[in-house]
PDB file of N, CA and C in Angstrom:
ATOM      1  N   MET A   1      78.372  57.183  63.919  1.00  0.00           N
ATOM      2  CA  MET A   1      79.001  58.429  63.572  1.00  0.00           C
ATOM      3  C   MET A   1      77.964  59.482  63.209  1.00  0.00           C
ATOM      4  N   PHE A   2      76.915  59.077  62.526  1.00  0.00           N
ATOM      5  CA  PHE A   2      75.921  60.036  62.073  1.00  0.00           C
ATOM      6  C   PHE A   2      74.669  60.024  62.942  1.00  0.00           C
ATOM      7  N   GLY A   3      74.743  59.448  64.133  1.00  0.00           N
ATOM      8  CA  GLY A   3      73.603  59.471  65.039  1.00  0.00           C
ATOM      9  C   GLY A   3      72.484  58.580  64.556  1.00  0.00           C
ATOM     10  N   ASN A   4      71.317  59.164  64.378  1.00  0.00           N
ATOM     11  CA  ASN A   4      70.134  58.397  63.988  1.00  0.00           C
ATOM     12  C   ASN A   4      69.928  58.347  62.483  1.00  0.00           C
ATOM     13  N   LEU A   5      70.876  58.847  61.701  1.00  0.00           N
ATOM     14  CA  LEU A   5      70.728  58.811  60.248  1.00  0.00           C
ATOM     15  C   LEU A   5      71.016  57.401  59.740  1.00  0.00           C
ATOM     16  N   GLY A   6      70.111  56.914  58.932  1.00  0.00           N
ATOM     17  CA  GLY A   6      70.300  55.600  58.332  1.00  0.00           C
ATOM     18  C   GLY A   6      70.987  55.712  56.985  1.00  0.00           C
ATOM     19  N   PHE A   7      71.133  54.565  56.326  1.00  0.00           N
ATOM     20  CA  PHE A   7      71.804  54.519  55.033  1.00  0.00           C
ATOM     21  C   PHE A   7      71.045  55.331  53.987  1.00  0.00           C
ATOM     22  N   THR A   8      69.719  55.208  53.985  1.00  0.00           N
ATOM     23  CA  THR A   8      68.937  55.922  52.963  1.00  0.00           C
ATOM     24  C   THR A   8      69.016  57.437  53.155  1.00  0.00           C
ATOM     25  N   GLU A   9      68.999  57.911  54.406  1.00  0.00           N
ATOM     26  CA  GLU A   9      69.100  59.349  54.651  1.00  0.00           C
ATOM     27  C   GLU A   9      70.449  59.898  54.202  1.00  0.00           C
ATOM     28  N   ILE A  10      71.508  59.151  54.481  1.00  0.00           N
ATOM     29  CA  ILE A  10      72.851  59.583  54.067  1.00  0.00           C
ATOM     30  C   ILE A  10      72.947  59.613  52.550  1.00  0.00           C
ATOM     31  N   MET A  11      72.376  58.621  51.876  1.00  0.00           N
ATOM     32  CA  MET A  11      72.399  58.591  50.412  1.00  0.00           C
ATOM     33  C   MET A  11      71.604  59.760  49.831  1.00  0.00           C
ATOM     34  N   MET A  12      70.482  60.116  50.452  1.00  0.00           N
ATOM     35  CA  MET A  12      69.692  61.257  49.975  1.00  0.00           C
ATOM     36  C   MET A  12      70.477  62.559  50.132  1.00  0.00           C
ATOM     37  N   ILE A  13      71.180  62.723  51.245  1.00  0.00           N
ATOM     38  CA  ILE A  13      71.994  63.920  51.463  1.00  0.00           C
ATOM     39  C   ILE A  13      73.101  63.997  50.427  1.00  0.00           C
ATOM     40  N   LEU A  14      73.773  62.879  50.169  1.00  0.00           N
ATOM     41  CA  LEU A  14      74.833  62.856  49.161  1.00  0.00           C
ATOM     42  C   LEU A  14      74.285  63.146  47.765  1.00  0.00           C
ATOM     43  N   LEU A  15      73.090  62.661  47.457  1.00  0.00           N
ATOM     44  CA  LEU A  15      72.466  62.931  46.161  1.00  0.00           C
ATOM     45  C   LEU A  15      72.149  64.417  46.004  1.00  0.00           C
ATOM     46  N   VAL A  16      71.642  65.045  47.055  1.00  0.00           N
ATOM     47  CA  VAL A  16      71.352  66.483  47.007  1.00  0.00           C
ATOM     48  C   VAL A  16      72.641  67.272  46.812  1.00  0.00           C
ATOM     49  N   ILE A  17      73.705  66.887  47.509  1.00  0.00           N
ATOM     50  CA  ILE A  17      74.998  67.561  47.345  1.00  0.00           C
ATOM     51  C   ILE A  17      75.498  67.394  45.916  1.00  0.00           C
ATOM     52  N   LEU A  18      75.337  66.207  45.366  1.00  0.00           N
ATOM     53  CA  LEU A  18      75.760  65.954  43.987  1.00  0.00           C
ATOM     54  C   LEU A  18      74.973  66.817  43.007  1.00  0.00           C
ATOM     55  N   LEU A  19      73.673  66.960  43.240  1.00  0.00           N
ATOM     56  CA  LEU A  19      72.855  67.785  42.350  1.00  0.00           C
ATOM     57  C   LEU A  19      73.187  69.270  42.479  1.00  0.00           C
ATOM     58  N   LEU A  20      73.491  69.719  43.692  1.00  0.00           N
ATOM     59  CA  LEU A  20      73.793  71.139  43.900  1.00  0.00           C
ATOM     60  C   LEU A  20      75.134  71.538  43.301  1.00  0.00           C
ATOM     61  N   PHE A  21      76.146  70.747  43.518  1.00  0.00           N
ATOM     62  CA  PHE A  21      77.499  71.145  43.139  1.00  0.00           C
ATOM     63  C   PHE A  21      77.993  70.504  41.848  1.00  0.00           C
ATOM     64  N   GLY A  22      77.462  69.399  41.462  1.00  0.00           N
ATOM     65  CA  GLY A  22      77.928  68.726  40.254  1.00  0.00           C
ATOM     66  C   GLY A  22      79.081  67.790  40.558  1.00  0.00           C
ATOM     67  N   ALA A  23      79.276  66.819  39.672  1.00  0.00           N
ATOM     68  CA  ALA A  23      80.287  65.783  39.899  1.00  0.00           C
ATOM     69  C   ALA A  23      81.703  66.326  39.804  1.00  0.00           C
ATOM     70  N   LYS A  24      81.925  67.366  38.997  1.00  0.00           N
ATOM     71  CA  LYS A  24      83.277  67.905  38.837  1.00  0.00           C
ATOM     72  C   LYS A  24      83.697  68.773  40.017  1.00  0.00           C
ATOM     73  N   ARG A  25      82.745  69.420  40.666  1.00  0.00           N
ATOM     74  CA  ARG A  25      83.083  70.338  41.756  1.00  0.00           C
ATOM     75  C   ARG A  25      83.301  69.635  43.098  1.00  0.00           C
ATOM     76  N   ILE A  26      82.715  68.483  43.305  1.00  0.00           N
ATOM     77  CA  ILE A  26      82.813  67.798  44.602  1.00  0.00           C
ATOM     78  C   ILE A  26      84.256  67.463  44.969  1.00  0.00           C
ATOM     79  N   PRO A  27      85.097  66.911  44.074  1.00  0.00           N
ATOM     80  CA  PRO A  27      86.497  66.670  44.457  1.00  0.00           C
ATOM     81  C   PRO A  27      87.255  67.958  44.781  1.00  0.00           C
ATOM     82  N   GLU A  28      86.945  69.050  44.059  1.00  0.00           N
ATOM     83  CA  GLU A  28      87.590  70.330  44.354  1.00  0.00           C
ATOM     84  C   GLU A  28      87.201  70.831  45.741  1.00  0.00           C
ATOM     85  N   ILE A  29      85.923  70.730  46.059  1.00  0.00           N
ATOM     86  CA  ILE A  29      85.438  71.179  47.366  1.00  0.00           C
ATOM     87  C   ILE A  29      86.050  70.326  48.471  1.00  0.00           C
ATOM     88  N   ALA A  30      86.079  69.017  48.270  1.00  0.00           N
ATOM     89  CA  ALA A  30      86.663  68.128  49.281  1.00  0.00           C
ATOM     90  C   ALA A  30      88.152  68.402  49.454  1.00  0.00           C
ATOM     91  N   GLY A  31      88.858  68.658  48.352  1.00  0.00           N
ATOM     92  CA  GLY A  31      90.290  68.958  48.439  1.00  0.00           C
ATOM     93  C   GLY A  31      90.561  70.254  49.176  1.00  0.00           C
ATOM     94  N   SER A  32      89.784  71.288  48.870  1.00  0.00           N
ATOM     95  CA  SER A  32      89.993  72.564  49.565  1.00  0.00           C
ATOM     96  C   SER A  32      89.591  72.459  51.034  1.00  0.00           C
ATOM     97  N   PHE A  33      88.581  71.662  51.320  1.00  0.00           N
ATOM     98  CA  PHE A  33      88.192  71.431  52.711  1.00  0.00           C
ATOM     99  C   PHE A  33      89.309  70.715  53.473  1.00  0.00           C
ATOM    100  N   GLY A  34      89.916  69.716  52.847  1.00  0.00           N
ATOM    101  CA  GLY A  34      91.038  69.001  53.468  1.00  0.00           C
ATOM    102  C   GLY A  34      92.236  69.902  53.686  1.00  0.00           C
ATOM    103  N   LYS A  35      92.531  70.766  52.704  1.00  0.00           N
ATOM    104  CA  LYS A  35      93.641  71.714  52.859  1.00  0.00           C
ATOM    105  C   LYS A  35      93.376  72.687  54.000  1.00  0.00           C
ATOM    106  N   GLY A  36      92.140  73.127  54.114  1.00  0.00           N
ATOM    107  CA  GLY A  36      91.780  74.037  55.201  1.00  0.00           C
ATOM    108  C   GLY A  36      91.952  73.392  56.564  1.00  0.00           C
ATOM    109  N   ILE A  37      91.520  72.148  56.688  1.00  0.00           N
ATOM    110  CA  ILE A  37      91.681  71.431  57.957  1.00  0.00           C
ATOM    111  C   ILE A  37      93.156  71.218  58.263  1.00  0.00           C
ATOM    112  N   ARG A  38      93.945  70.861  57.258  1.00  0.00           N
ATOM    113  CA  ARG A  38      95.382  70.652  57.443  1.00  0.00           C
ATOM    114  C   ARG A  38      96.066  71.947  57.891  1.00  0.00           C
ATOM    115  N   GLU A  39      95.709  73.065  57.281  1.00  0.00           N
ATOM    116  CA  GLU A  39      96.288  74.362  57.649  1.00  0.00           C
ATOM    117  C   GLU A  39      95.888  74.754  59.074  1.00  0.00           C
ATOM    118  N   PHE A  40      94.632  74.486  59.429  1.00  0.00           N
ATOM    119  CA  PHE A  40      94.159  74.790  60.779  1.00  0.00           C
ATOM    120  C   PHE A  40      94.933  73.983  61.818  1.00  0.00           C
ATOM    121  N   LYS A  41      95.117  72.690  61.581  1.00  0.00           N
ATOM    122  CA  LYS A  41      95.869  71.846  62.515  1.00  0.00           C
ATOM    123  C   LYS A  41      97.316  72.303  62.629  1.00  0.00           C
ATOM    124  N   LYS A  42      97.925  72.684  61.501  1.00  0.00           N
ATOM    125  CA  LYS A  42      99.308  73.164  61.510  1.00  0.00           C
ATOM    126  C   LYS A  42      99.429  74.429  62.354  1.00  0.00           C
ATOM    127  N   ASN A  43      98.498  75.360  62.172  1.00  0.00           N
ATOM    128  CA  ASN A  43      98.536  76.596  62.955  1.00  0.00           C
ATOM    129  C   ASN A  43      98.291  76.334  64.436  1.00  0.00           C
ATOM    130  N   MET A  44      97.405  75.399  64.756  1.00  0.00           N
ATOM    131  CA  MET A  44      97.164  75.060  66.166  1.00  0.00           C
ATOM    132  C   MET A  44      98.417  74.458  66.788  1.00  0.00           C
ATOM    133  N   ASN A  45      99.116  73.592  66.066  1.00  0.00           N
ATOM    134  CA  ASN A  45     100.353  73.007  66.579  1.00  0.00           C
ATOM    135  C   ASN A  45     101.428  74.066  66.757  1.00  0.00           C
ATOM    136  N   ASP A  46     101.507  75.031  65.825  1.00  0.00           N
ATOM    137  CA  ASP A  46     102.490  76.111  65.950  1.00  0.00           C
ATOM    138  C   ASP A  46     102.225  76.958  67.189  1.00  0.00           C
ATOM    139  N   VAL A  47     100.964  77.290  67.431  1.00  0.00           N
ATOM    140  CA  VAL A  47     100.616  78.098  68.603  1.00  0.00           C
ATOM    141  C   VAL A  47     100.929  77.328  69.882  1.00  0.00           C
ATOM    142  N   THR A  48     100.582  76.051  69.919  1.00  0.00           N
ATOM    143  CA  THR A  48     100.866  75.232  71.100  1.00  0.00           C
ATOM    144  C   THR A  48     102.363  75.150  71.353  1.00  0.00           C
ATOM    145  N   ARG A  49     103.140  74.963  70.301  1.00  0.00           N
ATOM    146  CA  ARG A  49     104.593  74.889  70.433  1.00  0.00           C
ATOM    147  C   ARG A  49     105.161  76.225  70.930  1.00  0.00           C
ATOM    148  N   ASP A  50     104.654  77.350  70.410  1.00  0.00           N
ATOM    149  CA  ASP A  50     105.124  78.662  70.854  1.00  0.00           C
ATOM    150  C   ASP A  50     104.830  78.889  72.336  1.00  0.00           C
ATOM    151  N   ILE A  51     103.648  78.493  72.769  1.00  0.00           N
ATOM    152  CA  ILE A  51     103.281  78.664  74.178  1.00  0.00           C
ATOM    153  C   ILE A  51     104.166  77.797  75.062  1.00  0.00           C
ATOM    154  N   GLN A  52     104.405  76.558  74.657  1.00  0.00           N
ATOM    155  CA  GLN A  52     105.256  75.676  75.455  1.00  0.00           C
ATOM    156  C   GLN A  52     106.680  76.197  75.530  1.00  0.00           C
ATOM    157  N   GLU A  53     107.207  76.732  74.430  1.00  0.00           N
ATOM    158  CA  GLU A  53     108.559  77.298  74.452  1.00  0.00           C
ATOM    159  C   GLU A  53     108.621  78.523  75.353  1.00  0.00           C
ATOM    160  N   GLU A  54     107.574  79.344  75.337  1.00  0.00           N
ATOM    161  CA  GLU A  54     107.533  80.534  76.195  1.00  0.00           C
ATOM    162  C   GLU A  54     107.513  80.133  77.670  1.00  0.00           C
ATOM    163  N   VAL A  55     106.728  79.117  78.001  1.00  0.00           N
ATOM    164  CA  VAL A  55     106.666  78.656  79.392  1.00  0.00           C
ATOM    165  C   VAL A  55     108.019  78.108  79.822  1.00  0.00           C
ATOM    166  N   ARG A  56     108.658  77.326  78.945  1.00  0.00           N
ATOM    167  CA  ARG A  56     109.983  76.785  79.277  1.00  0.00           C
ATOM    168  C   ARG A  56     110.996  77.901  79.487  1.00  0.00           C
ATOM    169  N   SER A  57     110.996  78.894  78.609  1.00  0.00           N
ATOM    170  CA  SER A  57     111.969  79.982  78.745  1.00  0.00           C
ATOM    171  C   SER A  57     111.687  80.813  79.992  1.00  0.00           C
ATOM    172  N   ASP A  58     110.398  80.981  80.364  1.00  0.00           N
ATOM    173  CA  ASP A  58     110.074  81.706  81.593  1.00  0.00           C
ATOM    174  C   ASP A  58     110.556  80.941  82.818  1.00  0.00           C
ATOM    175  N   ARG A  59     110.385  79.630  82.810  1.00  0.00           N
ATOM    176  CA  ARG A  59     110.841  78.825  83.950  1.00  0.00           C
ATOM    177  C   ARG A  59     112.356  78.890  84.084  1.00  0.00           C
ATOM    178  N   ILE A  60     113.052  78.781  82.970  1.00  0.00           N
ATOM    179  CA  ILE A  60     114.515  78.838  83.003  1.00  0.00           C
ATOM    180  C   ILE A  60     114.970  80.226  83.419  1.00  0.00           C
ATOM    181  N   GLY A  61     114.329  81.275  82.887  1.00  0.00           N
ATOM    182  CA  GLY A  61     114.696  82.648  83.215  1.00  0.00           C
ATOM    183  C   GLY A  61     114.441  82.983  84.671  1.00  0.00           C
ATOM    184  N   SER A  62     113.312  82.555  85.221  1.00  0.00           N
ATOM    185  CA  SER A  62     113.012  82.868  86.618  1.00  0.00           C
ATOM    186  C   SER A  62     113.933  82.099  87.554  1.00  0.00           C
ATOM    187  N   ALA A  63     114.289  80.877  87.198  1.00  0.00           N
ATOM    188  CA  ALA A  63     115.202  80.104  88.045  1.00  0.00           C
ATOM    189  C   ALA A  63     116.593  80.714  88.025  1.00  0.00           C
ATOM    190  N   SER A  64     117.043  81.194  86.871  1.00  0.00           N
ATOM    191  CA  SER A  64     118.389  81.765  86.801  1.00  0.00           C
ATOM    192  C   SER A  64     118.462  83.106  87.518  1.00  0.00           C
ATOM    193  N   THR A  65     117.420  83.933  87.459  1.00  0.00           N
ATOM    194  CA  THR A  65     117.459  85.217  88.174  1.00  0.00           C
ATOM    195  C   THR A  65     117.350  85.000  89.674  1.00  0.00           C
ATOM    196  N   ARG A  66     116.599  84.017  90.104  1.00  0.00           N
ATOM    197  CA  ARG A  66     116.490  83.743  91.531  1.00  0.00           C
ATOM    198  C   ARG A  66     117.825  83.247  92.082  1.00  0.00           C
ATOM    199  N   ASP A  67     118.538  82.442  91.294  1.00  0.00           N
ATOM    200  CA  ASP A  67     119.827  81.937  91.750  1.00  0.00           C
ATOM    201  C   ASP A  67     120.893  83.021  91.757  1.00  0.00           C
ATOM    202  N   GLN A  68     120.747  84.064  90.954  1.00  0.00           N
ATOM    203  CA  GLN A  68     121.747  85.119  90.882  1.00  0.00           C
ATOM    204  C   GLN A  68     121.642  86.099  92.041  1.00  0.00           C
ATOM    205  N   LEU A  69     120.488  86.210  92.686  1.00  0.00           N
ATOM    206  CA  LEU A  69     120.336  87.149  93.795  1.00  0.00           C
ATOM    207  C   LEU A  69     121.068  86.636  95.028  1.00  0.00           C
ATOM    208  N   PRO A  70     121.716  87.533  95.775  1.00  0.00           N
ATOM    209  CA  PRO A  70     122.309  87.101  97.039  1.00  0.00           C
ATOM    210  C   PRO A  70     121.206  86.744  98.035  1.00  0.00           C
ATOM    211  N   PRO A  71     121.517  85.959  99.060  1.00  0.00           N
ATOM    212  CA  PRO A  71     120.477  85.493  99.985  1.00  0.00           C
ATOM    213  C   PRO A  71     119.712  86.623 100.664  1.00  0.00           C
ATOM    214  N   ALA A  72     120.342  87.768 100.934  1.00  0.00           N
ATOM    215  CA  ALA A  72     119.654  88.860 101.614  1.00  0.00           C
ATOM    216  C   ALA A  72     118.618  89.520 100.710  1.00  0.00           C
ATOM    217  N   GLU A  73     118.794  89.478  99.401  1.00  0.00           N
ATOM    218  CA  GLU A  73     117.884  90.145  98.486  1.00  0.00           C
ATOM    219  C   GLU A  73     116.794  89.224  97.951  1.00  0.00           C
ATOM    220  N   ARG A  74     116.841  87.966  98.268  1.00  0.00           N
ATOM    221  CA  ARG A  74     115.803  87.051  97.808  1.00  0.00           C
ATOM    222  C   ARG A  74     114.506  87.359  98.546  1.00  0.00           C
ATOM    223  N   PRO A  75     113.397  87.333  97.848  1.00  0.00           N
ATOM    224  CA  PRO A  75     112.125  87.598  98.529  1.00  0.00           C
ATOM    225  C   PRO A  75     111.802  86.477  99.509  1.00  0.00           C
ATOM    226  N   MET A  76     111.407  86.882 100.699  1.00  0.00           N
ATOM    227  CA  MET A  76     111.055  85.918 101.741  1.00  0.00           C
ATOM    228  C   MET A  76     109.589  85.535 101.591  1.00  0.00           C
ATOM    229  N   PRO A  77     109.259  84.273 101.741  1.00  0.00           N
ATOM    230  CA  PRO A  77     107.854  83.879 101.687  1.00  0.00           C
ATOM    231  C   PRO A  77     107.114  84.400 102.912  1.00  0.00           C
ATOM    232  N   ARG A  78     105.883  84.878 102.684  1.00  0.00           N
ATOM    233  CA  ARG A  78     105.085  85.426 103.781  1.00  0.00           C
ATOM    234  C   ARG A  78     104.322  84.305 104.475  1.00  0.00           C
ATOM    235  N   ALA A  79     104.129  84.463 105.744  1.00  0.00           N
ATOM    236  CA  ALA A  79     103.278  83.534 106.473  1.00  0.00           C
ATOM    237  C   ALA A  79     101.833  83.921 106.188  1.00  0.00           C
ATOM    238  N   GLU A  80     101.008  82.959 105.883  1.00  0.00           N
ATOM    239  CA  GLU A  80      99.640  83.274 105.480  1.00  0.00           C
ATOM    240  C   GLU A  80      98.805  83.800 106.641  1.00  0.00           C
ATOM    241  N   ASP A  81      99.045  83.327 107.862  1.00  0.00           N
ATOM    242  CA  ASP A  81      98.218  83.786 108.972  1.00  0.00           C
ATOM    243  C   ASP A  81      98.548  85.226 109.372  1.00  0.00           C
ATOM    244  N   GLU A  82      99.675  85.777 108.980  1.00  0.00           N
ATOM    245  CA  GLU A  82      99.983  87.167 109.272  1.00  0.00           C
ATOM    246  C   GLU A  82      99.218  88.107 108.351  1.00  0.00           C
ATOM    247  N   SER A  83      98.991  87.714 107.130  1.00  0.00           N
ATOM    248  CA  SER A  83      98.367  88.613 106.167  1.00  0.00           C
ATOM    249  C   SER A  83      96.843  88.539 106.181  1.00  0.00           C
ATOM    250  N   ARG A  84      96.253  87.514 106.774  1.00  0.00           N
ATOM    251  CA  ARG A  84      94.799  87.372 106.776  1.00  0.00           C
ATOM    252  C   ARG A  84      94.238  87.684 108.158  1.00  0.00           C
ATOM    253  N   PRO A  85      93.197  88.521 108.211  1.00  0.00           N
ATOM    254  CA  PRO A  85      92.559  88.770 109.509  1.00  0.00           C
ATOM    255  C   PRO A  85      91.691  87.579 109.907  1.00  0.00           C
ATOM    256  N   GLU A  86      91.373  87.507 111.161  1.00  0.00           N
ATOM    257  CA  GLU A  86      90.522  86.435 111.682  1.00  0.00           C
ATOM    258  C   GLU A  86      89.111  86.606 111.116  1.00  0.00           C
ATOM    259  N   PRO A  87      88.501  85.548 110.580  1.00  0.00           N
ATOM    260  CA  PRO A  87      87.158  85.688 110.015  1.00  0.00           C
ATOM    261  C   PRO A  87      86.119  85.928 111.103  1.00  0.00           C
ATOM    262  N   LYS A  88      85.070  86.673 110.754  1.00  0.00           N
ATOM    263  CA  LYS A  88      83.991  86.947 111.703  1.00  0.00           C
ATOM    264  C   LYS A  88      83.117  85.711 111.820  1.00  0.00           C
ATOM    265  N   ARG A  89      82.657  85.452 113.001  1.00  0.00           N
ATOM    266  CA  ARG A  89      81.773  84.314 113.229  1.00  0.00           C
ATOM    267  C   ARG A  89      80.327  84.772 113.091  1.00  0.00           C
ATOM    268  N   LEU A  90      79.582  84.056 112.286  1.00  0.00           N
ATOM    269  CA  LEU A  90      78.186  84.412 112.078  1.00  0.00           C
ATOM    270  C   LEU A  90      77.282  83.783 113.128  1.00  0.00           C
ATOM    271  N   LEU A  91      77.642  82.612 113.594  1.00  0.00           N
ATOM    272  CA  LEU A  91      76.855  81.922 114.616  1.00  0.00           C
ATOM    273  C   LEU A  91      77.641  81.893 115.911  1.00  0.00           C
ATOM    274  N   SER A  92      76.958  82.140 117.019  1.00  0.00           N
ATOM    275  CA  SER A  92      77.651  82.146 118.314  1.00  0.00           C
ATOM    276  C   SER A  92      77.775  80.773 118.886  1.00  0.00           C
TER     277      SER A  92
END
């Protein structure tokens, strides 16, 4: 998980953190960090859910409007070879 860091390096990092912040502040920092991660995940799930609902409603809406048009007013699919010109040949 920590790559090339061994046990002693991890313990030294934890000791420095303990000296910088103190024993009373570390649980507060960890708790606020956990709350921040939880809030971030919740917001990401909300955005994903909103996008999925929008896509579903667009699919349902486009299918219902297409079915409501009479056959003469439905857009006809274009043939691709009619809209594209013949490519130029670079080599003879």
